[in-house]
Amino acid sequence: MTPSEHQWPIRIYYEDTDMQGIVYYANYLKYLERARTEFLRSKGFEQDQLIDEQVVAFAVRAVQMDYLKPAKFNDNLLVQTKVAELKRASLIFHQTIIREDQKREIINKAIIKVACLDAKSMKVKAIPTKMIETLI
């Protein structure tokens, strides 16, 4: 695993599923968001501190997602997050969700483009230099 990669485990609860015990499709976005938050936290960046101290916020600009297999109630999953591209004011994450069993099936793949914004004006802003240096 390189410095730009992270793994975060999640278990599927009943509340995540429909009446058939299959994860509702929109919940994958929540899992990916949480994994990106944990990725940044693991690098020493808390999003509330970025807003307060650097006046920086991140917003999802685009999502490309492939649902390959269903996740089900009580599944243990692993969300892998990798910085695929880092530009002056945006990041592209590649994220993969894997079922943590003997097969280790990939059940979801996503490409998420995130823009860096000024937390007050909500206009595009350069990613802080320390953050760029840490994420490369």
C-alpha atoms as a PDB file:
ATOM      1  CA  MET A   1       0.000   0.000   0.000  1.00  0.00           C
ATOM      2  CA  THR A   2       1.399   3.413  -0.987  1.00  0.00           C
ATOM      3  CA  PRO A   3       0.957   6.627   1.059  1.00  0.00           C
ATOM      4  CA  SER A   4      -1.978   7.573  -1.173  1.00  0.00           C
ATOM      5  CA  GLU A   5      -3.904   4.355  -0.357  1.00  0.00           C
ATOM      6  CA  HIS A   6      -6.132   3.496   2.584  1.00  0.00           C
ATOM      7  CA  GLN A   7      -8.379   0.641   3.713  1.00  0.00           C
ATOM      8  CA  TRP A   8     -11.444   1.012   5.901  1.00  0.00           C
ATOM      9  CA  PRO A   9     -13.677  -1.850   7.107  1.00  0.00           C
ATOM     10  CA  ILE A  10     -17.446  -1.644   7.332  1.00  0.00           C
ATOM     11  CA  ARG A  11     -20.157  -4.087   8.352  1.00  0.00           C
ATOM     12  CA  ILE A  12     -23.593  -4.029   6.744  1.00  0.00           C
ATOM     13  CA  TYR A  13     -26.409  -3.438   9.215  1.00  0.00           C
ATOM     14  CA  TYR A  14     -30.107  -4.097   8.757  1.00  0.00           C
ATOM     15  CA  GLU A  15     -30.755  -0.353   8.381  1.00  0.00           C
ATOM     16  CA  ASP A  16     -28.537  -0.350   5.257  1.00  0.00           C
ATOM     17  CA  THR A  17     -30.708  -2.846   3.434  1.00  0.00           C
ATOM     18  CA  ASP A  18     -34.044  -3.189   1.730  1.00  0.00           C
ATOM     19  CA  MET A  19     -36.606  -5.797   2.719  1.00  0.00           C
ATOM     20  CA  GLN A  20     -34.642  -8.486   0.851  1.00  0.00           C
ATOM     21  CA  GLY A  21     -31.527  -7.808   2.923  1.00  0.00           C
ATOM     22  CA  ILE A  22     -29.659  -6.193   0.014  1.00  0.00           C
ATOM     23  CA  VAL A  23     -27.856  -2.878   0.463  1.00  0.00           C
ATOM     24  CA  TYR A  24     -29.809   0.049  -0.959  1.00  0.00           C
ATOM     25  CA  TYR A  25     -27.771   1.451  -3.868  1.00  0.00           C
ATOM     26  CA  ALA A  26     -27.410   5.009  -2.500  1.00  0.00           C
ATOM     27  CA  ASN A  27     -25.763   3.706   0.688  1.00  0.00           C
ATOM     28  CA  TYR A  28     -22.610   2.907  -1.265  1.00  0.00           C
ATOM     29  CA  LEU A  29     -22.077   6.662  -1.616  1.00  0.00           C
ATOM     30  CA  LYS A  30     -22.166   6.944   2.188  1.00  0.00           C
ATOM     31  CA  TYR A  31     -19.598   4.162   2.586  1.00  0.00           C
ATOM     32  CA  LEU A  32     -17.298   5.808   0.052  1.00  0.00           C
ATOM     33  CA  GLU A  33     -17.678   9.206   1.742  1.00  0.00           C
ATOM     34  CA  ARG A  34     -16.871   7.764   5.161  1.00  0.00           C
ATOM     35  CA  ALA A  35     -13.835   5.977   3.747  1.00  0.00           C
ATOM     36  CA  ARG A  36     -12.524   9.216   2.204  1.00  0.00           C
ATOM     37  CA  THR A  37     -13.031  10.977   5.551  1.00  0.00           C
ATOM     38  CA  GLU A  38     -11.105   8.209   7.332  1.00  0.00           C
ATOM     39  CA  PHE A  39      -8.411   8.360   4.665  1.00  0.00           C
ATOM     40  CA  LEU A  40      -7.905  12.090   5.305  1.00  0.00           C
ATOM     41  CA  ARG A  41      -8.035  11.531   9.072  1.00  0.00           C
ATOM     42  CA  SER A  42      -5.317   8.869   8.782  1.00  0.00           C
ATOM     43  CA  LYS A  43      -3.150  11.491   7.056  1.00  0.00           C
ATOM     44  CA  GLY A  44      -3.711  13.992   9.875  1.00  0.00           C
ATOM     45  CA  PHE A  45      -6.449  16.086   8.266  1.00  0.00           C
ATOM     46  CA  GLU A  46      -9.746  16.617  10.070  1.00  0.00           C
ATOM     47  CA  GLN A  47     -12.325  18.214   7.806  1.00  0.00           C
ATOM     48  CA  ASP A  48     -13.726  20.521  10.495  1.00  0.00           C
ATOM     49  CA  GLN A  49     -10.218  21.808  11.230  1.00  0.00           C
ATOM     50  CA  LEU A  50      -9.577  22.392   7.525  1.00  0.00           C
ATOM     51  CA  ILE A  51     -12.724  24.519   7.421  1.00  0.00           C
ATOM     52  CA  ASP A  52     -11.896  26.455  10.608  1.00  0.00           C
ATOM     53  CA  GLU A  53      -8.136  26.877  10.187  1.00  0.00           C
ATOM     54  CA  GLN A  54      -7.531  26.880   6.421  1.00  0.00           C
ATOM     55  CA  VAL A  55     -11.010  27.939   5.224  1.00  0.00           C
ATOM     56  CA  VAL A  56     -10.981  24.893   2.942  1.00  0.00           C
ATOM     57  CA  ALA A  57     -13.824  22.497   2.216  1.00  0.00           C
ATOM     58  CA  PHE A  58     -14.144  19.614  -0.213  1.00  0.00           C
ATOM     59  CA  ALA A  59     -17.181  18.864  -2.350  1.00  0.00           C
ATOM     60  CA  VAL A  60     -17.886  15.954  -4.641  1.00  0.00           C
ATOM     61  CA  ARG A  61     -18.018  17.214  -8.209  1.00  0.00           C
ATOM     62  CA  ALA A  62     -18.518  13.968 -10.121  1.00  0.00           C
ATOM     63  CA  VAL A  63     -19.150  10.286  -9.441  1.00  0.00           C
ATOM     64  CA  GLN A  64     -18.711   7.342 -11.751  1.00  0.00           C
ATOM     65  CA  MET A  65     -19.793   4.124 -10.064  1.00  0.00           C
ATOM     66  CA  ASP A  66     -20.156   0.517 -11.113  1.00  0.00           C
ATOM     67  CA  TYR A  67     -22.314  -1.804  -9.019  1.00  0.00           C
ATOM     68  CA  LEU A  68     -20.839  -5.247  -9.705  1.00  0.00           C
ATOM     69  CA  LYS A  69     -22.368  -7.492  -7.013  1.00  0.00           C
ATOM     70  CA  PRO A  70     -24.867  -6.891  -4.208  1.00  0.00           C
ATOM     71  CA  ALA A  71     -23.773  -6.452  -0.615  1.00  0.00           C
ATOM     72  CA  LYS A  72     -26.065  -8.062   1.935  1.00  0.00           C
ATOM     73  CA  PHE A  73     -27.030  -7.811   5.573  1.00  0.00           C
ATOM     74  CA  ASN A  74     -24.152  -8.763   7.893  1.00  0.00           C
ATOM     75  CA  ASP A  75     -21.502  -8.673   5.154  1.00  0.00           C
ATOM     76  CA  ASN A  76     -18.091  -7.418   6.174  1.00  0.00           C
ATOM     77  CA  LEU A  77     -16.718  -5.102   3.528  1.00  0.00           C
ATOM     78  CA  LEU A  78     -13.437  -3.338   2.963  1.00  0.00           C
ATOM     79  CA  VAL A  79     -13.398   0.050   1.259  1.00  0.00           C
ATOM     80  CA  GLN A  80     -10.100   0.759  -0.476  1.00  0.00           C
ATOM     81  CA  THR A  81      -9.359   4.390  -1.237  1.00  0.00           C
ATOM     82  CA  LYS A  82      -6.550   5.659  -3.426  1.00  0.00           C
ATOM     83  CA  VAL A  83      -5.636   9.118  -4.671  1.00  0.00           C
ATOM     84  CA  ALA A  84      -5.398   8.550  -8.409  1.00  0.00           C
ATOM     85  CA  GLU A  85      -4.823  12.148  -9.440  1.00  0.00           C
ATOM     86  CA  LEU A  86      -4.002  15.298  -7.523  1.00  0.00           C
ATOM     87  CA  LYS A  87      -4.314  18.690  -9.181  1.00  0.00           C
ATOM     88  CA  ARG A  88      -4.041  22.222  -7.879  1.00  0.00           C
ATOM     89  CA  ALA A  89      -7.681  22.401  -6.746  1.00  0.00           C
ATOM     90  CA  SER A  90      -9.057  18.882  -7.158  1.00  0.00           C
ATOM     91  CA  LEU A  91      -8.510  15.239  -6.296  1.00  0.00           C
ATOM     92  CA  ILE A  92      -9.610  12.124  -8.087  1.00  0.00           C
ATOM     93  CA  PHE A  93     -10.123   9.113  -5.859  1.00  0.00           C
ATOM     94  CA  HIS A  94     -10.377   5.532  -7.028  1.00  0.00           C
ATOM     95  CA  GLN A  95     -12.398   3.536  -4.531  1.00  0.00           C
ATOM     96  CA  THR A  96     -13.165  -0.162  -4.454  1.00  0.00           C
ATOM     97  CA  ILE A  97     -15.476  -2.050  -2.118  1.00  0.00           C
ATOM     98  CA  ILE A  98     -14.530  -5.671  -1.504  1.00  0.00           C
ATOM     99  CA  ARG A  99     -16.497  -8.331   0.320  1.00  0.00           C
ATOM    100  CA  GLU A 100     -14.217  -9.634   3.073  1.00  0.00           C
ATOM    101  CA  ASP A 101     -14.676 -13.348   2.695  1.00  0.00           C
ATOM    102  CA  GLN A 102     -12.604 -16.093   1.125  1.00  0.00           C
ATOM    103  CA  LYS A 103     -13.459 -14.979  -2.421  1.00  0.00           C
ATOM    104  CA  ARG A 104     -12.697 -11.285  -1.743  1.00  0.00           C
ATOM    105  CA  GLU A 105     -15.084 -10.259  -4.501  1.00  0.00           C
ATOM    106  CA  ILE A 106     -15.071  -6.700  -5.764  1.00  0.00           C
ATOM    107  CA  ILE A 107     -18.649  -5.560  -5.405  1.00  0.00           C
ATOM    108  CA  ASN A 108     -18.358  -1.860  -6.240  1.00  0.00           C
ATOM    109  CA  LYS A 109     -15.910   0.433  -8.013  1.00  0.00           C
ATOM    110  CA  ALA A 110     -16.062   4.207  -8.093  1.00  0.00           C
ATOM    111  CA  ILE A 111     -14.148   7.172  -9.417  1.00  0.00           C
ATOM    112  CA  ILE A 112     -14.890  10.269  -7.355  1.00  0.00           C
ATOM    113  CA  LYS A 113     -13.761  13.759  -8.360  1.00  0.00           C
ATOM    114  CA  VAL A 114     -13.575  16.144  -5.411  1.00  0.00           C
ATOM    115  CA  ALA A 115     -13.117  19.906  -5.703  1.00  0.00           C
ATOM    116  CA  CYS A 116     -11.357  22.056  -3.133  1.00  0.00           C
ATOM    117  CA  LEU A 117     -13.406  25.123  -2.235  1.00  0.00           C
ATOM    118  CA  ASP A 118     -13.074  28.233  -0.129  1.00  0.00           C
ATOM    119  CA  ALA A 119     -15.316  27.344   2.816  1.00  0.00           C
ATOM    120  CA  LYS A 120     -16.833  30.843   2.935  1.00  0.00           C
ATOM    121  CA  SER A 121     -17.283  31.845  -0.700  1.00  0.00           C
ATOM    122  CA  MET A 122     -17.673  28.269  -2.003  1.00  0.00           C
ATOM    123  CA  LYS A 123     -15.420  29.162  -4.935  1.00  0.00           C
ATOM    124  CA  VAL A 124     -12.602  26.954  -6.172  1.00  0.00           C
ATOM    125  CA  LYS A 125      -9.473  27.256  -4.039  1.00  0.00           C
ATOM    126  CA  ALA A 126      -6.037  25.637  -4.207  1.00  0.00           C
ATOM    127  CA  ILE A 127      -5.471  22.606  -2.015  1.00  0.00           C
ATOM    128  CA  PRO A 128      -3.163  23.550   0.894  1.00  0.00           C
ATOM    129  CA  THR A 129       0.494  22.786   0.132  1.00  0.00           C
ATOM    130  CA  LYS A 130       0.949  20.643   3.268  1.00  0.00           C
ATOM    131  CA  MET A 131      -1.963  18.514   2.182  1.00  0.00           C
ATOM    132  CA  ILE A 132      -0.578  18.057  -1.341  1.00  0.00           C
ATOM    133  CA  GLU A 133       2.819  17.063   0.068  1.00  0.00           C
ATOM    134  CA  THR A 134       1.204  14.527   2.416  1.00  0.00           C
ATOM    135  CA  LEU A 135      -1.087  12.963  -0.179  1.00  0.00           C
ATOM    136  CA  ILE A 136       1.491  12.479  -2.942  1.00  0.00           C
END
